[in-house]
């Protein structure tokens, strides 16, 4: 283990065929053009020296991860703790078919509420926190491709906080580079090496100094 490393946090690209549906852990198809995001993720991971890529088992993450891992010849680790939250019996249903009362109950207690046959926000936090702690112990630069729910929590965890289930989700297909450990560590990732079609964020932690945010495309 080293005292400095980079984490590349990525949300899977856009999906298709699920407009208006609650899909949670269901496997759904990636929208056309997802390969561009995968190739951009690979470029960023190469730029910061990643040798491990963690992925949710969901097809929308795994397909991207497999493409990146094959090209880079990195260690691909599929981790079920990176799944999206389970909505149980709600999955596959249009959101407007779910009762207003149930949605209000969920909104009133995002940590404690559990959809029928599903998973609570607290359970999601527990498994994401366990993954984060295990990944930090490796102390190696790595990539993580997962979903909006886990990434909401990780956005706080990069600063040593629990993370908020109500935080905004990063955009689909976005990539964020987070520097951990020694505050003098820098990835050396310059703007010229950042793919123009990806929204990217580069930060240093725990030094408290935040690098410029570079954004392009959606």
C-alpha atoms as a PDB file:
ATOM      1  CA  UNK A   1       0.000   0.000   0.000  1.00  0.00           C
ATOM      2  CA  UNK A   2       1.200   3.499  -0.876  1.00  0.00           C
ATOM      3  CA  UNK A   3       0.368   6.787   0.822  1.00  0.00           C
ATOM      4  CA  UNK A   4      -1.044   8.370  -2.338  1.00  0.00           C
ATOM      5  CA  UNK A   5      -3.358   7.190  -5.069  1.00  0.00           C
ATOM      6  CA  UNK A   6      -6.108   8.304  -7.426  1.00  0.00           C
ATOM      7  CA  UNK A   7      -9.687   7.058  -7.667  1.00  0.00           C
ATOM      8  CA  UNK A   8     -11.597   7.446 -10.919  1.00  0.00           C
ATOM      9  CA  UNK A   9     -15.329   7.468 -10.136  1.00  0.00           C
ATOM     10  CA  UNK A  10     -17.602   6.855 -13.121  1.00  0.00           C
ATOM     11  CA  UNK A  11     -21.335   6.557 -13.637  1.00  0.00           C
ATOM     12  CA  UNK A  12     -22.502   4.222 -16.388  1.00  0.00           C
ATOM     13  CA  UNK A  13     -23.596   5.770 -19.722  1.00  0.00           C
ATOM     14  CA  UNK A  14     -27.191   6.430 -20.725  1.00  0.00           C
ATOM     15  CA  UNK A  15     -29.576   3.480 -21.014  1.00  0.00           C
ATOM     16  CA  UNK A  16     -32.521   2.871 -23.313  1.00  0.00           C
ATOM     17  CA  UNK A  17     -36.000   1.400 -23.112  1.00  0.00           C
ATOM     18  CA  UNK A  18     -36.674   2.450 -19.516  1.00  0.00           C
ATOM     19  CA  UNK A  19     -38.222   5.897 -19.903  1.00  0.00           C
ATOM     20  CA  UNK A  20     -40.560   6.518 -16.984  1.00  0.00           C
ATOM     21  CA  UNK A  21     -39.760   3.175 -15.336  1.00  0.00           C
ATOM     22  CA  UNK A  22     -38.327   2.346 -11.929  1.00  0.00           C
ATOM     23  CA  UNK A  23     -35.512  -0.068 -12.773  1.00  0.00           C
ATOM     24  CA  UNK A  24     -33.070  -0.098  -9.843  1.00  0.00           C
ATOM     25  CA  UNK A  25     -31.104  -3.338 -10.034  1.00  0.00           C
ATOM     26  CA  UNK A  26     -32.798  -4.581 -13.205  1.00  0.00           C
ATOM     27  CA  UNK A  27     -30.504  -5.209 -16.147  1.00  0.00           C
ATOM     28  CA  UNK A  28     -31.244  -2.706 -18.886  1.00  0.00           C
ATOM     29  CA  UNK A  29     -29.624  -1.997 -22.237  1.00  0.00           C
ATOM     30  CA  UNK A  30     -27.079   0.729 -22.835  1.00  0.00           C
ATOM     31  CA  UNK A  31     -27.994   3.410 -25.347  1.00  0.00           C
ATOM     32  CA  UNK A  32     -26.160   3.587 -28.655  1.00  0.00           C
ATOM     33  CA  UNK A  33     -22.718   5.159 -28.476  1.00  0.00           C
ATOM     34  CA  UNK A  34     -21.794   3.879 -24.996  1.00  0.00           C
ATOM     35  CA  UNK A  35     -18.386   2.822 -26.343  1.00  0.00           C
ATOM     36  CA  UNK A  36     -17.300   6.472 -26.516  1.00  0.00           C
ATOM     37  CA  UNK A  37     -17.744   6.814 -22.776  1.00  0.00           C
ATOM     38  CA  UNK A  38     -15.821   3.565 -22.192  1.00  0.00           C
ATOM     39  CA  UNK A  39     -12.925   4.794 -24.299  1.00  0.00           C
ATOM     40  CA  UNK A  40     -12.916   8.128 -22.484  1.00  0.00           C
ATOM     41  CA  UNK A  41     -12.855   6.333 -19.125  1.00  0.00           C
ATOM     42  CA  UNK A  42      -9.917   4.275 -20.341  1.00  0.00           C
ATOM     43  CA  UNK A  43      -8.031   7.438 -21.319  1.00  0.00           C
ATOM     44  CA  UNK A  44      -8.554   8.955 -17.868  1.00  0.00           C
ATOM     45  CA  UNK A  45      -7.585   5.738 -16.075  1.00  0.00           C
ATOM     46  CA  UNK A  46      -4.409   5.481 -18.129  1.00  0.00           C
ATOM     47  CA  UNK A  47      -3.603   9.105 -17.315  1.00  0.00           C
ATOM     48  CA  UNK A  48      -3.608   8.455 -13.560  1.00  0.00           C
ATOM     49  CA  UNK A  49      -2.013   4.997 -13.674  1.00  0.00           C
ATOM     50  CA  UNK A  50      -4.954   2.804 -12.638  1.00  0.00           C
ATOM     51  CA  UNK A  51      -4.270  -0.930 -12.525  1.00  0.00           C
ATOM     52  CA  UNK A  52      -7.585  -2.048 -10.972  1.00  0.00           C
ATOM     53  CA  UNK A  53     -11.153  -1.454 -12.143  1.00  0.00           C
ATOM     54  CA  UNK A  54     -14.089  -2.151  -9.823  1.00  0.00           C
ATOM     55  CA  UNK A  55     -17.522  -2.565 -11.385  1.00  0.00           C
ATOM     56  CA  UNK A  56     -21.122  -3.146 -10.435  1.00  0.00           C
ATOM     57  CA  UNK A  57     -22.351  -6.497 -11.805  1.00  0.00           C
ATOM     58  CA  UNK A  58     -25.160  -4.729 -13.707  1.00  0.00           C
ATOM     59  CA  UNK A  59     -24.770  -5.095 -17.462  1.00  0.00           C
ATOM     60  CA  UNK A  60     -24.822  -1.316 -18.003  1.00  0.00           C
ATOM     61  CA  UNK A  61     -21.637  -1.057 -15.901  1.00  0.00           C
ATOM     62  CA  UNK A  62     -20.054  -4.413 -16.671  1.00  0.00           C
ATOM     63  CA  UNK A  63     -20.044  -3.916 -20.457  1.00  0.00           C
ATOM     64  CA  UNK A  64     -18.120  -0.673 -20.060  1.00  0.00           C
ATOM     65  CA  UNK A  65     -15.755  -2.218 -17.515  1.00  0.00           C
ATOM     66  CA  UNK A  66     -15.023  -5.249 -19.680  1.00  0.00           C
ATOM     67  CA  UNK A  67     -14.182  -3.064 -22.678  1.00  0.00           C
ATOM     68  CA  UNK A  68     -11.841  -0.905 -20.588  1.00  0.00           C
ATOM     69  CA  UNK A  69     -10.208  -3.854 -18.805  1.00  0.00           C
ATOM     70  CA  UNK A  70      -9.583  -5.772 -22.018  1.00  0.00           C
ATOM     71  CA  UNK A  71      -7.908  -2.804 -23.683  1.00  0.00           C
ATOM     72  CA  UNK A  72      -5.829  -1.829 -20.637  1.00  0.00           C
ATOM     73  CA  UNK A  73      -5.173  -5.344 -19.328  1.00  0.00           C
ATOM     74  CA  UNK A  74      -6.088  -4.242 -15.808  1.00  0.00           C
ATOM     75  CA  UNK A  75      -7.484  -6.311 -12.947  1.00  0.00           C
ATOM     76  CA  UNK A  76     -11.297  -6.231 -13.277  1.00  0.00           C
ATOM     77  CA  UNK A  77     -13.162  -6.870 -10.020  1.00  0.00           C
ATOM     78  CA  UNK A  78     -16.952  -7.235 -10.147  1.00  0.00           C
ATOM     79  CA  UNK A  79     -18.347  -6.242  -6.752  1.00  0.00           C
ATOM     80  CA  UNK A  80     -22.009  -6.699  -5.823  1.00  0.00           C
ATOM     81  CA  UNK A  81     -21.705  -3.904  -3.237  1.00  0.00           C
ATOM     82  CA  UNK A  82     -21.625  -1.474  -6.174  1.00  0.00           C
ATOM     83  CA  UNK A  83     -25.146  -2.389  -7.339  1.00  0.00           C
ATOM     84  CA  UNK A  84     -27.815   0.281  -7.477  1.00  0.00           C
ATOM     85  CA  UNK A  85     -30.312   0.278  -4.609  1.00  0.00           C
ATOM     86  CA  UNK A  86     -32.965  -2.443  -4.971  1.00  0.00           C
ATOM     87  CA  UNK A  87     -36.528  -1.219  -5.357  1.00  0.00           C
ATOM     88  CA  UNK A  88     -37.917  -4.736  -4.991  1.00  0.00           C
ATOM     89  CA  UNK A  89     -41.464  -5.061  -6.315  1.00  0.00           C
ATOM     90  CA  UNK A  90     -41.350  -1.556  -7.770  1.00  0.00           C
ATOM     91  CA  UNK A  91     -38.728  -2.500 -10.347  1.00  0.00           C
ATOM     92  CA  UNK A  92     -39.994  -2.628 -13.903  1.00  0.00           C
ATOM     93  CA  UNK A  93     -43.087  -0.568 -13.029  1.00  0.00           C
ATOM     94  CA  UNK A  94     -43.802   2.955 -14.290  1.00  0.00           C
ATOM     95  CA  UNK A  95     -43.206   5.479 -11.524  1.00  0.00           C
ATOM     96  CA  UNK A  96     -46.753   6.797 -11.867  1.00  0.00           C
ATOM     97  CA  UNK A  97     -48.115   3.349 -10.929  1.00  0.00           C
ATOM     98  CA  UNK A  98     -46.460   3.570  -7.510  1.00  0.00           C
ATOM     99  CA  UNK A  99     -48.773   5.063  -4.905  1.00  0.00           C
ATOM    100  CA  UNK A 100     -48.309   8.683  -3.883  1.00  0.00           C
ATOM    101  CA  UNK A 101     -48.489   7.623  -0.241  1.00  0.00           C
ATOM    102  CA  UNK A 102     -45.579   5.196  -0.656  1.00  0.00           C
ATOM    103  CA  UNK A 103     -43.465   7.801  -2.436  1.00  0.00           C
ATOM    104  CA  UNK A 104     -44.227  10.352   0.277  1.00  0.00           C
ATOM    105  CA  UNK A 105     -43.239   7.845   2.959  1.00  0.00           C
ATOM    106  CA  UNK A 106     -39.960   7.216   1.152  1.00  0.00           C
ATOM    107  CA  UNK A 107     -39.267  10.949   0.788  1.00  0.00           C
ATOM    108  CA  UNK A 108     -39.872  11.442   4.514  1.00  0.00           C
ATOM    109  CA  UNK A 109     -37.284   8.816   5.501  1.00  0.00           C
ATOM    110  CA  UNK A 110     -34.832   8.009   2.699  1.00  0.00           C
ATOM    111  CA  UNK A 111     -32.572   6.018   5.024  1.00  0.00           C
ATOM    112  CA  UNK A 112     -35.172   3.934   6.807  1.00  0.00           C
ATOM    113  CA  UNK A 113     -37.825   3.367   4.135  1.00  0.00           C
ATOM    114  CA  UNK A 114     -37.757  -0.002   2.341  1.00  0.00           C
ATOM    115  CA  UNK A 115     -39.810  -0.583  -0.825  1.00  0.00           C
ATOM    116  CA  UNK A 116     -41.724  -3.898  -0.748  1.00  0.00           C
ATOM    117  CA  UNK A 117     -39.149  -6.644  -1.264  1.00  0.00           C
ATOM    118  CA  UNK A 118     -36.421  -4.056  -1.737  1.00  0.00           C
ATOM    119  CA  UNK A 119     -33.607  -2.367   0.149  1.00  0.00           C
ATOM    120  CA  UNK A 120     -33.455   0.600   2.484  1.00  0.00           C
ATOM    121  CA  UNK A 121     -31.188   3.579   2.032  1.00  0.00           C
ATOM    122  CA  UNK A 122     -29.433   2.546   5.229  1.00  0.00           C
ATOM    123  CA  UNK A 123     -28.633  -0.895   3.761  1.00  0.00           C
ATOM    124  CA  UNK A 124     -27.254   0.762   0.622  1.00  0.00           C
ATOM    125  CA  UNK A 125     -25.059   3.012   2.759  1.00  0.00           C
ATOM    126  CA  UNK A 126     -23.718   0.036   4.737  1.00  0.00           C
ATOM    127  CA  UNK A 127     -22.557  -1.917   1.705  1.00  0.00           C
ATOM    128  CA  UNK A 128     -21.136   1.132  -0.074  1.00  0.00           C
ATOM    129  CA  UNK A 129     -19.239   2.120   3.081  1.00  0.00           C
ATOM    130  CA  UNK A 130     -17.808  -1.409   3.346  1.00  0.00           C
ATOM    131  CA  UNK A 131     -16.691  -1.291  -0.286  1.00  0.00           C
ATOM    132  CA  UNK A 132     -15.135   2.158   0.182  1.00  0.00           C
ATOM    133  CA  UNK A 133     -13.176   1.044   3.243  1.00  0.00           C
ATOM    134  CA  UNK A 134     -11.875  -2.076   1.480  1.00  0.00           C
ATOM    135  CA  UNK A 135     -10.883  -0.076  -1.602  1.00  0.00           C
ATOM    136  CA  UNK A 136      -9.081   2.519   0.510  1.00  0.00           C
ATOM    137  CA  UNK A 137      -7.094  -0.253   2.198  1.00  0.00           C
ATOM    138  CA  UNK A 138      -5.694  -1.345  -1.167  1.00  0.00           C
ATOM    139  CA  UNK A 139      -4.075   2.092  -1.478  1.00  0.00           C
ATOM    140  CA  UNK A 140      -3.803   1.692  -5.260  1.00  0.00           C
ATOM    141  CA  UNK A 141      -4.985   3.945  -8.057  1.00  0.00           C
ATOM    142  CA  UNK A 142      -8.181   2.422  -9.402  1.00  0.00           C
ATOM    143  CA  UNK A 143     -11.366   3.001 -11.353  1.00  0.00           C
ATOM    144  CA  UNK A 144     -14.914   2.493 -10.053  1.00  0.00           C
ATOM    145  CA  UNK A 145     -17.927   2.269 -12.367  1.00  0.00           C
ATOM    146  CA  UNK A 146     -21.285   2.178 -10.657  1.00  0.00           C
ATOM    147  CA  UNK A 147     -24.686   3.904 -10.351  1.00  0.00           C
ATOM    148  CA  UNK A 148     -26.212   7.136  -9.119  1.00  0.00           C
ATOM    149  CA  UNK A 149     -27.133   5.805  -5.675  1.00  0.00           C
ATOM    150  CA  UNK A 150     -23.689   4.576  -4.638  1.00  0.00           C
ATOM    151  CA  UNK A 151     -22.034   7.626  -6.192  1.00  0.00           C
ATOM    152  CA  UNK A 152     -24.196  10.011  -4.152  1.00  0.00           C
ATOM    153  CA  UNK A 153     -22.695   8.460  -1.046  1.00  0.00           C
ATOM    154  CA  UNK A 154     -19.140   8.296  -2.396  1.00  0.00           C
ATOM    155  CA  UNK A 155     -19.221  12.018  -3.120  1.00  0.00           C
ATOM    156  CA  UNK A 156     -19.249  12.529   0.643  1.00  0.00           C
ATOM    157  CA  UNK A 157     -16.911   9.656   1.435  1.00  0.00           C
ATOM    158  CA  UNK A 158     -14.087  11.213  -0.589  1.00  0.00           C
ATOM    159  CA  UNK A 159     -14.045  13.912   2.108  1.00  0.00           C
ATOM    160  CA  UNK A 160     -14.360  11.514   5.021  1.00  0.00           C
ATOM    161  CA  UNK A 161     -18.100  12.120   5.467  1.00  0.00           C
ATOM    162  CA  UNK A 162     -20.910   9.523   5.348  1.00  0.00           C
ATOM    163  CA  UNK A 163     -22.345  10.913   2.123  1.00  0.00           C
ATOM    164  CA  UNK A 164     -25.926  11.997   1.522  1.00  0.00           C
ATOM    165  CA  UNK A 165     -28.647   9.926  -0.128  1.00  0.00           C
ATOM    166  CA  UNK A 166     -30.219  13.239  -1.156  1.00  0.00           C
ATOM    167  CA  UNK A 167     -27.126  14.599  -2.896  1.00  0.00           C
ATOM    168  CA  UNK A 168     -27.440  15.194  -6.657  1.00  0.00           C
ATOM    169  CA  UNK A 169     -26.409  12.238  -8.795  1.00  0.00           C
ATOM    170  CA  UNK A 170     -23.449  12.804 -11.111  1.00  0.00           C
ATOM    171  CA  UNK A 171     -24.464  12.895 -14.781  1.00  0.00           C
ATOM    172  CA  UNK A 172     -24.765   9.656 -16.727  1.00  0.00           C
ATOM    173  CA  UNK A 173     -21.445   8.840 -18.366  1.00  0.00           C
ATOM    174  CA  UNK A 174     -19.519  11.277 -16.167  1.00  0.00           C
ATOM    175  CA  UNK A 175     -16.041  10.653 -14.771  1.00  0.00           C
ATOM    176  CA  UNK A 176     -14.512  12.225 -11.668  1.00  0.00           C
ATOM    177  CA  UNK A 177     -10.859  11.929 -10.637  1.00  0.00           C
ATOM    178  CA  UNK A 178     -10.284  12.120  -6.885  1.00  0.00           C
ATOM    179  CA  UNK A 179      -6.811  12.230  -5.372  1.00  0.00           C
ATOM    180  CA  UNK A 180      -6.439  10.570  -1.985  1.00  0.00           C
ATOM    181  CA  UNK A 181      -3.660  10.349   0.567  1.00  0.00           C
ATOM    182  CA  UNK A 182      -0.613  12.627   0.429  1.00  0.00           C
ATOM    183  CA  UNK A 183      -1.853  16.181  -0.313  1.00  0.00           C
ATOM    184  CA  UNK A 184       1.268  16.841  -2.408  1.00  0.00           C
ATOM    185  CA  UNK A 185       0.309  14.045  -4.793  1.00  0.00           C
ATOM    186  CA  UNK A 186      -0.882  15.122  -8.235  1.00  0.00           C
ATOM    187  CA  UNK A 187      -2.225  12.954 -11.042  1.00  0.00           C
ATOM    188  CA  UNK A 188      -0.559  15.117 -13.649  1.00  0.00           C
ATOM    189  CA  UNK A 189      -3.751  14.890 -15.705  1.00  0.00           C
ATOM    190  CA  UNK A 190      -3.735  17.942 -17.947  1.00  0.00           C
ATOM    191  CA  UNK A 191      -6.671  19.313 -19.882  1.00  0.00           C
ATOM    192  CA  UNK A 192      -5.148  18.137 -23.155  1.00  0.00           C
ATOM    193  CA  UNK A 193      -5.514  14.524 -21.983  1.00  0.00           C
ATOM    194  CA  UNK A 194      -9.193  14.833 -21.044  1.00  0.00           C
ATOM    195  CA  UNK A 195     -11.696  13.532 -23.637  1.00  0.00           C
ATOM    196  CA  UNK A 196     -13.847  16.441 -24.798  1.00  0.00           C
ATOM    197  CA  UNK A 197     -17.151  14.527 -24.576  1.00  0.00           C
ATOM    198  CA  UNK A 198     -16.990  13.667 -20.886  1.00  0.00           C
ATOM    199  CA  UNK A 199     -17.900  15.849 -17.893  1.00  0.00           C
ATOM    200  CA  UNK A 200     -14.871  15.522 -15.632  1.00  0.00           C
ATOM    201  CA  UNK A 201     -13.987  16.641 -12.148  1.00  0.00           C
ATOM    202  CA  UNK A 202     -10.500  16.560 -10.666  1.00  0.00           C
ATOM    203  CA  UNK A 203      -9.929  17.104  -6.951  1.00  0.00           C
ATOM    204  CA  UNK A 204      -7.315  16.653  -4.252  1.00  0.00           C
ATOM    205  CA  UNK A 205      -8.193  15.267  -0.804  1.00  0.00           C
ATOM    206  CA  UNK A 206      -7.619  15.624   2.096  1.00  0.00           C
ATOM    207  CA  UNK A 207      -5.610  18.771   1.460  1.00  0.00           C
ATOM    208  CA  UNK A 208      -8.766  20.815   0.974  1.00  0.00           C
ATOM    209  CA  UNK A 209      -7.435  22.361  -2.211  1.00  0.00           C
ATOM    210  CA  UNK A 210      -9.733  21.802  -5.162  1.00  0.00           C
ATOM    211  CA  UNK A 211      -8.417  21.770  -8.689  1.00  0.00           C
ATOM    212  CA  UNK A 212     -10.281  23.441 -11.497  1.00  0.00           C
ATOM    213  CA  UNK A 213     -13.392  21.686 -12.711  1.00  0.00           C
ATOM    214  CA  UNK A 214     -13.240  20.864 -16.405  1.00  0.00           C
ATOM    215  CA  UNK A 215     -16.524  20.168 -18.133  1.00  0.00           C
ATOM    216  CA  UNK A 216     -17.513  19.290 -21.647  1.00  0.00           C
ATOM    217  CA  UNK A 217     -20.587  17.775 -23.240  1.00  0.00           C
ATOM    218  CA  UNK A 218     -23.381  16.083 -21.327  1.00  0.00           C
END
